[in-house]
Amino acid sequence: MTAPAFLAAPDGLRIAHVAAAGTEPGILFCGGFRSDMTGTKALALEAAAKARGTGFVRFDYTGHGQSDGAFLDGSIGRWKDDTLAVLDQVCRGPTVIIGSSMGGWLATLAALARPGRVAGLVLLAPALDFTEDLMWAQMSPDQRATLQRDGILREPSQYSDQPYEYTLKLIEDGRRHCILAGGIDLAAPVRILQGMQDPDVPWQHAVKTVEAFRGADTRLTLIRDGDHRLSRPQDLALLTETVWSLAA
């Protein structure tokens, strides 16, 4: 596997990334909450991009994977800034930004901040505003009290032996970056892929998301038997086909 290069953030923390040169528009992959750039979707897309000679970049947010920093120090605003740093300093020319789960929120925030750079968005089980709509709104009174008292909440994870850890900082910072209620003005084409058997991001949230995008070229594909990961061979084939429809 290719060793990463490192980009220094303003505070000195290093953002790990892997970039392959190629034709434009290139592709930038944004992973999910507590995931890293060595996941199945990122590597499958990288292989497909290299086969086509298309530029491709994958990276780790600070506190994730091979990047510097502690996960619990992270926030939506910080990870948005990481995404913009990679888009600005590593990607070349127009870029199709792909975002998985939380990465869908960060990809959208990056696109809104750099609309002239975005050739399209492909969002997989996009968790826009998840800190408010899918976390805080779903917490019990006891969970909220624990979070407000301790500044952190630990919950079992079905994806890891380690518990998910949510900080009060994450919730409060997330509120400053929520975008669904106000609508999303983005001219670039948007493609949303959503599994209907997703226990983490319900398909109804994807419907709410597609309704928030005001651009005419916005499409939602519901996968009846799809889960949150969308990493089965048929899911990867659909993802690749969707990306190439925007990166041709």
Protein backbone atom coordinates (compact mmCIF):
# COMPACT_ATOMS: atom_id res chain seq x y z
CA MET A 1 0.00 0.00 0.00
CA THR A 2 1.26 3.48 -0.87
CA ALA A 3 2.88 5.35 2.03
CA PRO A 4 1.16 8.65 2.78
CA ALA A 5 2.54 12.14 2.39
CA PHE A 6 1.80 14.76 5.03
CA LEU A 7 0.32 18.23 4.81
CA ALA A 8 0.88 20.60 7.73
CA ALA A 9 -2.21 22.31 9.12
CA PRO A 10 -1.89 25.86 10.50
CA ASP A 11 -1.49 24.52 14.05
CA GLY A 12 1.28 22.14 12.98
CA LEU A 13 -0.74 18.90 13.01
CA ARG A 14 -0.03 16.79 9.95
CA ILE A 15 -2.78 15.54 7.64
CA ALA A 16 -1.91 12.21 6.02
CA HIS A 17 -2.91 11.81 2.39
CA VAL A 18 -2.24 9.74 -0.69
CA ALA A 19 -2.47 11.35 -4.11
CA ALA A 20 -2.27 9.86 -7.59
CA ALA A 21 -1.81 12.22 -10.52
CA GLY A 22 -4.12 11.93 -13.52
CA THR A 23 -6.68 13.57 -15.71
CA GLU A 24 -9.27 16.08 -14.55
CA PRO A 25 -11.75 16.28 -13.05
CA GLY A 26 -10.00 14.44 -10.27
CA ILE A 27 -11.57 12.66 -7.32
CA LEU A 28 -11.34 13.41 -3.59
CA PHE A 29 -12.61 10.80 -1.13
CA CYS A 30 -13.83 11.90 2.33
CA GLY A 31 -14.31 9.09 4.83
CA GLY A 32 -16.68 8.71 7.73
CA PHE A 33 -16.67 9.20 11.49
CA ARG A 34 -13.72 7.29 13.02
CA SER A 35 -12.89 5.69 9.66
CA ASP A 36 -9.68 6.12 7.70
CA MET A 37 -8.43 6.30 4.13
CA THR A 38 -7.64 2.58 3.91
CA GLY A 39 -11.31 1.54 3.81
CA THR A 40 -12.83 -0.64 1.12
CA LYS A 41 -14.55 2.16 -0.80
CA ALA A 42 -11.52 4.45 -0.82
CA LEU A 43 -9.17 1.75 -2.08
CA ALA A 44 -11.65 0.44 -4.66
CA LEU A 45 -12.11 3.93 -6.07
CA GLU A 46 -8.38 4.54 -6.07
CA ALA A 47 -7.78 1.37 -8.07
CA ALA A 48 -10.51 2.30 -10.55
CA ALA A 49 -9.15 5.83 -10.89
CA LYS A 50 -5.63 4.60 -11.54
CA ALA A 51 -6.93 2.17 -14.18
CA ARG A 52 -8.60 5.09 -15.95
CA GLY A 53 -5.73 7.51 -15.42
CA THR A 54 -7.89 9.84 -13.33
CA GLY A 55 -6.42 11.92 -10.52
CA PHE A 56 -7.38 10.62 -7.08
CA VAL A 57 -6.79 11.75 -3.49
CA ARG A 58 -7.69 10.09 -0.19
CA PHE A 59 -6.79 11.39 3.26
CA ASP A 60 -7.31 11.10 7.01
CA TYR A 61 -8.87 13.86 9.08
CA THR A 62 -6.84 14.91 12.11
CA GLY A 63 -7.39 12.40 14.90
CA HIS A 64 -8.08 9.68 12.34
CA GLY A 65 -5.91 7.03 10.74
CA GLN A 66 -2.33 8.16 10.11
CA SER A 67 -2.92 11.87 10.68
CA ASP A 68 -1.75 13.68 13.81
CA GLY A 69 -4.03 14.69 16.64
CA ALA A 70 -6.41 13.12 19.13
CA PHE A 71 -9.82 12.01 17.92
CA LEU A 72 -11.61 13.54 20.91
CA ASP A 73 -10.15 16.97 20.08
CA GLY A 74 -11.85 16.89 16.68
CA SER A 75 -15.00 18.66 15.54
CA ILE A 76 -17.00 19.19 12.38
CA GLY A 77 -15.37 22.59 11.90
CA ARG A 78 -11.87 21.17 12.31
CA TRP A 79 -12.49 18.28 9.93
CA LYS A 80 -14.05 20.66 7.42
CA ASP A 81 -10.86 22.71 7.55
CA ASP A 82 -8.83 19.52 7.01
CA THR A 83 -10.92 18.73 3.95
CA LEU A 84 -10.46 22.23 2.53
CA ALA A 85 -6.70 22.08 3.15
CA VAL A 86 -6.47 18.89 1.10
CA LEU A 87 -8.75 20.25 -1.63
CA ASP A 88 -6.76 23.48 -1.84
CA GLN A 89 -3.23 22.12 -1.56
CA VAL A 90 -3.30 18.55 -2.85
CA CYS A 91 -6.11 18.26 -5.40
CA ARG A 92 -5.62 19.77 -8.85
CA GLY A 93 -8.29 21.45 -10.95
CA PRO A 94 -12.00 20.61 -10.87
CA THR A 95 -12.77 17.80 -8.45
CA VAL A 96 -15.57 15.33 -7.85
CA ILE A 97 -15.85 15.09 -4.07
CA ILE A 98 -17.08 11.82 -2.64
CA GLY A 99 -18.28 11.73 0.96
CA SER A 100 -19.23 8.68 2.98
CA SER A 101 -21.48 9.13 6.06
CA MET A 102 -19.96 12.04 8.03
CA GLY A 103 -17.78 12.61 4.98
CA GLY A 104 -20.93 13.50 3.08
CA TRP A 105 -21.47 16.45 5.44
CA LEU A 106 -17.84 17.52 5.18
CA ALA A 107 -17.84 17.12 1.39
CA THR A 108 -20.92 19.34 1.17
CA LEU A 109 -19.41 21.97 3.46
CA ALA A 110 -16.25 21.95 1.33
CA ALA A 111 -18.29 22.29 -1.86
CA LEU A 112 -20.17 25.27 -0.42
CA ALA A 113 -16.87 26.89 0.54
CA ARG A 114 -15.22 26.22 -2.85
CA PRO A 115 -18.07 26.02 -5.41
CA GLY A 116 -15.74 26.85 -8.29
CA ARG A 117 -13.63 23.76 -7.62
CA VAL A 118 -16.42 21.22 -7.49
CA ALA A 119 -17.30 19.19 -10.57
CA GLY A 120 -19.85 17.15 -8.61
CA LEU A 121 -20.74 15.54 -5.30
CA VAL A 122 -21.29 11.83 -4.69
CA LEU A 123 -22.67 11.24 -1.20
CA LEU A 124 -22.94 7.77 0.35
CA ALA A 125 -25.35 7.44 3.26
CA PRO A 126 -24.73 11.15 3.84
CA ALA A 127 -24.91 12.13 7.49
CA LEU A 128 -25.43 15.87 7.09
CA ASP A 129 -26.24 17.51 10.44
CA PHE A 130 -25.84 14.11 12.13
CA THR A 131 -24.64 15.54 15.43
CA GLU A 132 -28.00 17.23 15.88
CA ASP A 133 -30.49 15.08 13.94
CA LEU A 134 -29.04 11.59 14.43
CA MET A 135 -27.24 11.98 17.77
CA TRP A 136 -28.58 14.69 20.05
CA ALA A 137 -32.20 14.29 18.92
CA GLN A 138 -32.03 10.52 19.53
CA MET A 139 -30.38 10.64 22.95
CA SER A 140 -32.29 9.81 26.10
CA PRO A 141 -32.49 12.36 28.90
CA ASP A 142 -29.91 10.30 30.83
CA GLN A 143 -27.50 10.31 27.88
CA ARG A 144 -27.85 14.05 27.44
CA ALA A 145 -27.29 14.58 31.15
CA THR A 146 -24.14 12.42 31.06
CA LEU A 147 -22.80 14.31 28.07
CA GLN A 148 -23.45 17.68 29.65
CA ARG A 149 -22.02 16.61 33.00
CA ASP A 150 -18.92 14.74 31.80
CA GLY A 151 -18.35 16.34 28.41
CA ILE A 152 -18.22 12.88 26.82
CA LEU A 153 -20.57 9.97 26.15
CA ARG A 154 -19.38 6.42 25.41
CA GLU A 155 -21.65 4.01 23.56
CA PRO A 156 -21.06 0.47 22.20
CA SER A 157 -20.15 0.24 18.51
CA GLN A 158 -21.22 -2.53 16.15
CA TYR A 159 -18.18 -1.76 13.99
CA SER A 160 -15.43 -1.93 16.61
CA ASP A 161 -14.51 -3.46 19.97
CA GLN A 162 -13.90 0.08 21.16
CA PRO A 163 -16.92 2.19 22.12
CA TYR A 164 -17.98 5.20 20.12
CA GLU A 165 -17.06 8.33 22.02
CA TYR A 166 -19.03 11.53 21.52
CA THR A 167 -17.96 14.81 23.05
CA LEU A 168 -20.09 17.79 24.01
CA LYS A 169 -17.67 19.83 21.88
CA LEU A 170 -18.66 17.77 18.83
CA ILE A 171 -22.36 18.44 19.43
CA GLU A 172 -21.96 22.15 20.09
CA ASP A 173 -19.61 22.71 17.15
CA GLY A 174 -21.88 20.66 14.91
CA ARG A 175 -24.73 23.10 15.55
CA ARG A 176 -22.64 25.86 14.00
CA HIS A 177 -22.34 23.85 10.79
CA CYS A 178 -25.86 22.47 10.31
CA ILE A 179 -27.12 23.20 6.80
CA LEU A 180 -30.23 21.13 6.06
CA ALA A 181 -32.85 23.48 7.50
CA GLY A 182 -31.68 26.48 5.50
CA GLY A 183 -31.43 24.65 2.20
CA ILE A 184 -28.25 24.02 0.18
CA ASP A 185 -27.52 26.20 -2.84
CA LEU A 186 -25.04 24.31 -5.00
CA ALA A 187 -25.00 24.34 -8.78
CA ALA A 188 -22.81 21.24 -9.16
CA PRO A 189 -24.52 17.89 -9.82
CA VAL A 190 -25.24 15.84 -6.72
CA ARG A 191 -25.69 12.07 -6.53
CA ILE A 192 -26.82 10.41 -3.30
CA LEU A 193 -26.61 6.64 -2.74
CA GLN A 194 -28.46 5.34 0.31
CA GLY A 195 -29.12 1.86 1.68
CA MET A 196 -32.60 1.26 3.03
CA GLN A 197 -31.27 -1.23 5.63
CA ASP A 198 -28.92 1.35 7.11
CA PRO A 199 -29.19 1.36 10.94
CA ASP A 200 -27.01 4.45 11.35
CA VAL A 201 -28.32 6.88 8.73
CA PRO A 202 -31.98 6.08 8.01
CA TRP A 203 -33.04 6.34 4.38
CA GLN A 204 -35.56 8.98 5.42
CA HIS A 205 -32.60 11.21 6.32
CA ALA A 206 -31.36 10.85 2.74
CA VAL A 207 -34.77 11.99 1.49
CA LYS A 208 -34.54 15.01 3.79
CA THR A 209 -31.05 15.65 2.42
CA VAL A 210 -32.00 15.49 -1.25
CA GLU A 211 -34.90 17.84 -0.56
CA ALA A 212 -32.47 20.36 0.97
CA PHE A 213 -30.33 20.55 -2.18
CA ARG A 214 -31.77 23.23 -4.45
CA GLY A 215 -29.73 22.41 -7.56
CA ALA A 216 -31.69 20.97 -10.47
CA ASP A 217 -29.24 18.12 -11.11
CA THR A 218 -29.73 16.29 -7.83
CA ARG A 219 -30.56 12.58 -7.72
CA LEU A 220 -31.17 10.05 -4.95
CA THR A 221 -30.72 6.31 -5.47
CA LEU A 222 -32.21 4.07 -2.76
CA ILE A 223 -30.73 0.59 -2.46
CA ARG A 224 -33.39 -1.61 -0.90
CA ASP A 225 -31.03 -4.19 0.62
CA GLY A 226 -28.11 -1.82 1.17
CA ASP A 227 -26.57 -1.26 4.61
CA HIS A 228 -24.53 1.66 5.95
CA ARG A 229 -21.18 0.57 4.58
CA LEU A 230 -22.30 0.08 0.97
CA SER A 231 -19.13 -1.94 0.38
CA ARG A 232 -20.49 -5.07 -1.29
CA PRO A 233 -19.31 -5.73 -4.86
CA GLN A 234 -22.62 -4.51 -6.30
CA ASP A 235 -22.45 -1.36 -4.15
CA LEU A 236 -18.90 -0.62 -5.28
CA ALA A 237 -19.92 -1.14 -8.89
CA LEU A 238 -22.79 1.33 -8.51
CA LEU A 239 -20.50 3.81 -6.75
CA THR A 240 -17.87 3.59 -9.47
CA GLU A 241 -20.46 3.97 -12.22
CA THR A 242 -21.92 7.01 -10.44
CA VAL A 243 -18.51 8.65 -10.01
CA TRP A 244 -17.56 8.15 -13.65
CA SER A 245 -20.82 9.72 -14.76
CA LEU A 246 -19.56 12.96 -13.18
CA ALA A 247 -15.81 12.55 -13.77
CA ALA A 248 -15.94 11.63 -17.45
